[in-house]
Amino acid sequence: MLICFYAAANYYVVREMSNSMFNLGLKENESIPFGWLFWIFTILIPLVYILGGVQKKDAVLLRVGLIAVAAIVFTVRYYHTVLPVEIVMLLGGIILITVSYALTKWLVQPKNGFTSAEISKRYIIDKMNIEALVIAETFGSNLPANDSKFGGGSFGGGGASGEY
């Protein structure tokens, strides 16, 4: 529902759907009516999601907010080209690595309910090696020998030749 709400207010989605559904015939640099409002929503909603996720300590809201930030970058990049794609990706990667490193170092000591340390065994299922568990369950059991012997009949079994 959070993603649908954001998509309904994202400038890119609204402009392209309006152009398609209402046959507006908008050119490259033309905007939809009240386009400024959808630009505000495109930028404001992810920030509200992230702030709400931090205040409520809600991981889902925080993650949807971060995904919506990526949608902001896509939307702005689609309509306003500032730098070549390679440079933007390089700068974005440098920024993401720097922010990740700084947050990891800052959250060594818990701050407002967030920490980079391992929390507890509460989420043990996330750390289990599922592949090893499946292999052990599949190959580790010894099935009893099946003494049922099928056969009989002279044409493929199942009584096709009239004999069972």
Protein backbone atom coordinates (compact mmCIF):
# COMPACT_ATOMS: atom_id res chain seq x y z
CA MET A 1 0.00 0.00 0.00
CA LEU A 2 2.89 2.35 0.77
CA ILE A 3 4.45 1.73 -2.62
CA CYS A 4 1.12 2.17 -4.41
CA PHE A 5 0.54 5.46 -2.61
CA TYR A 6 3.96 6.70 -3.62
CA ALA A 7 3.52 5.53 -7.22
CA ALA A 8 0.22 7.37 -7.43
CA ALA A 9 1.99 10.63 -6.54
CA ASN A 10 5.30 10.12 -8.37
CA TYR A 11 5.76 12.65 -11.19
CA TYR A 12 7.08 10.09 -13.68
CA VAL A 13 4.16 7.70 -13.16
CA VAL A 14 1.53 10.44 -13.22
CA ARG A 15 2.98 12.14 -16.32
CA GLU A 16 3.40 8.97 -18.33
CA MET A 17 0.01 7.54 -17.34
CA SER A 18 -1.73 10.86 -18.04
CA ASN A 19 -0.02 11.10 -21.40
CA SER A 20 -1.06 7.54 -22.22
CA MET A 21 -4.61 7.50 -20.85
CA PHE A 22 -5.76 10.97 -21.82
CA ASN A 23 -3.83 11.28 -25.10
CA LEU A 24 -2.25 14.55 -24.00
CA GLY A 25 0.49 14.34 -26.60
CA LEU A 26 3.03 16.00 -24.32
CA LYS A 27 6.40 16.77 -25.81
CA GLU A 28 9.72 16.21 -24.02
CA ASN A 29 9.86 19.49 -22.10
CA GLU A 30 6.15 19.89 -21.48
CA SER A 31 4.67 19.26 -18.07
CA ILE A 32 1.31 17.97 -16.95
CA PRO A 33 -1.19 20.29 -15.26
CA PHE A 34 -0.21 20.76 -11.61
CA GLY A 35 3.13 19.11 -12.34
CA TRP A 36 4.77 21.15 -9.60
CA LEU A 37 2.49 19.45 -7.06
CA PHE A 38 3.57 15.98 -8.18
CA TRP A 39 7.24 17.01 -8.02
CA ILE A 40 6.65 18.04 -4.39
CA PHE A 41 4.97 14.70 -3.65
CA THR A 42 7.75 12.81 -5.44
CA ILE A 43 10.34 14.30 -3.10
CA LEU A 44 8.31 14.74 0.09
CA ILE A 45 6.68 11.31 0.49
CA PRO A 46 9.95 9.30 0.72
CA LEU A 47 11.28 11.72 3.32
CA VAL A 48 8.08 11.30 5.35
CA TYR A 49 8.41 7.50 5.05
CA ILE A 50 12.02 7.58 6.27
CA LEU A 51 11.29 9.95 9.16
CA GLY A 52 8.27 7.86 10.17
CA GLY A 53 10.35 4.69 10.00
CA VAL A 54 13.02 6.19 12.23
CA GLN A 55 10.51 7.57 14.75
CA LYS A 56 8.45 4.38 14.95
CA LYS A 57 11.47 2.07 14.52
CA ASP A 58 9.56 0.43 11.67
CA ALA A 59 11.90 -1.38 9.30
CA VAL A 60 9.27 -1.78 6.56
CA LEU A 61 8.52 1.94 6.45
CA LEU A 62 12.24 2.72 6.46
CA ARG A 63 12.98 0.30 3.62
CA VAL A 64 10.08 1.54 1.49
CA GLY A 65 11.34 5.07 2.06
CA LEU A 66 14.81 4.10 0.85
CA ILE A 67 13.35 2.41 -2.24
CA ALA A 68 11.31 5.55 -2.88
CA VAL A 69 14.51 7.62 -2.67
CA ALA A 70 15.83 5.47 -5.51
CA ALA A 71 12.63 6.32 -7.41
CA ILE A 72 13.33 10.02 -6.81
CA VAL A 73 16.76 9.61 -8.34
CA PHE A 74 15.30 7.79 -11.34
CA THR A 75 12.57 10.39 -11.84
CA VAL A 76 14.88 13.39 -11.60
CA ARG A 77 17.47 11.69 -13.80
CA TYR A 78 14.84 10.87 -16.44
CA TYR A 79 13.74 14.48 -16.88
CA HIS A 80 16.88 16.44 -15.98
CA THR A 81 20.24 15.20 -17.24
CA VAL A 82 23.04 16.88 -15.34
CA LEU A 83 26.00 14.52 -15.72
CA PRO A 84 26.77 11.41 -17.78
CA VAL A 85 25.38 8.17 -16.36
CA GLU A 86 28.81 6.78 -15.52
CA ILE A 87 29.74 9.80 -13.42
CA VAL A 88 26.39 9.77 -11.61
CA MET A 89 26.76 6.06 -10.80
CA LEU A 90 30.32 6.57 -9.59
CA LEU A 91 29.38 9.50 -7.36
CA GLY A 92 26.30 7.65 -6.08
CA GLY A 93 28.40 4.61 -5.19
CA ILE A 94 30.98 6.72 -3.39
CA ILE A 95 28.24 8.48 -1.43
CA LEU A 96 26.51 5.19 -0.52
CA ILE A 97 29.72 3.55 0.65
CA THR A 98 30.70 6.61 2.68
CA VAL A 99 27.28 6.90 4.33
CA SER A 100 27.18 3.14 5.05
CA TYR A 101 30.62 3.18 6.63
CA ALA A 102 29.84 6.28 8.71
CA LEU A 103 26.51 4.84 9.92
CA THR A 104 28.10 1.51 10.80
CA LYS A 105 30.79 3.24 12.87
CA TRP A 106 28.28 5.64 14.46
CA LEU A 107 25.84 2.87 15.39
CA VAL A 108 28.38 0.70 17.23
CA GLN A 109 26.83 2.16 20.37
CA PRO A 110 23.00 1.95 20.10
CA LYS A 111 21.36 5.27 19.29
CA ASN A 112 17.58 5.70 19.57
CA GLY A 113 16.94 1.99 19.19
CA PHE A 114 19.20 1.50 16.14
CA THR A 115 22.47 -0.39 16.28
CA SER A 116 24.91 -2.09 13.94
CA ALA A 117 25.64 -4.85 16.47
CA GLU A 118 24.01 -8.25 16.36
CA ILE A 119 20.78 -7.85 18.29
CA SER A 120 19.82 -11.28 19.64
CA LYS A 121 18.90 -14.81 18.72
CA ARG A 122 15.38 -13.58 17.97
CA TYR A 123 16.04 -13.69 14.23
CA ILE A 124 17.96 -16.96 14.22
CA ILE A 125 16.08 -18.22 11.16
CA ASP A 126 17.65 -15.41 9.10
CA LYS A 127 21.14 -16.65 9.97
CA MET A 128 20.58 -20.35 9.39
CA ASN A 129 22.22 -21.95 6.42
CA ILE A 130 19.02 -22.99 4.64
CA GLU A 131 20.86 -24.78 1.85
CA ALA A 132 22.67 -27.07 4.30
CA LEU A 133 19.41 -27.76 6.10
CA VAL A 134 17.67 -28.77 2.86
CA ILE A 135 20.57 -31.04 1.83
CA ALA A 136 20.65 -32.69 5.26
CA GLU A 137 16.91 -33.28 5.17
CA THR A 138 16.99 -34.62 1.63
CA PHE A 139 20.02 -36.89 1.69
CA GLY A 140 20.37 -37.61 5.39
CA SER A 141 17.34 -39.84 5.85
CA ASN A 142 17.44 -43.57 5.20
CA LEU A 143 14.21 -44.67 3.63
CA PRO A 144 13.10 -48.24 4.36
CA ALA A 145 13.45 -50.65 1.47
CA ASN A 146 10.27 -51.02 -0.52
CA ASP A 147 9.31 -54.69 -0.78
CA SER A 148 6.55 -54.09 -3.31
CA LYS A 149 7.48 -55.66 -6.59
CA PHE A 150 5.60 -54.46 -9.53
CA GLY A 151 5.50 -56.46 -12.68
CA GLY A 152 3.49 -58.98 -14.48
CA GLY A 153 1.77 -58.51 -17.70
CA SER A 154 3.63 -58.71 -20.92
CA PHE A 155 2.94 -55.27 -22.36
CA GLY A 156 4.07 -52.33 -20.18
CA GLY A 157 2.23 -53.38 -17.04
CA GLY A 158 -1.11 -52.14 -15.83
CA GLY A 159 -2.99 -55.02 -17.41
CA ALA A 160 -2.60 -53.74 -20.95
CA SER A 161 -2.14 -57.28 -22.24
CA GLY A 162 -5.04 -58.66 -20.31
CA GLU A 163 -2.82 -60.25 -17.61
CA TYR A 164 -2.08 -58.81 -14.18
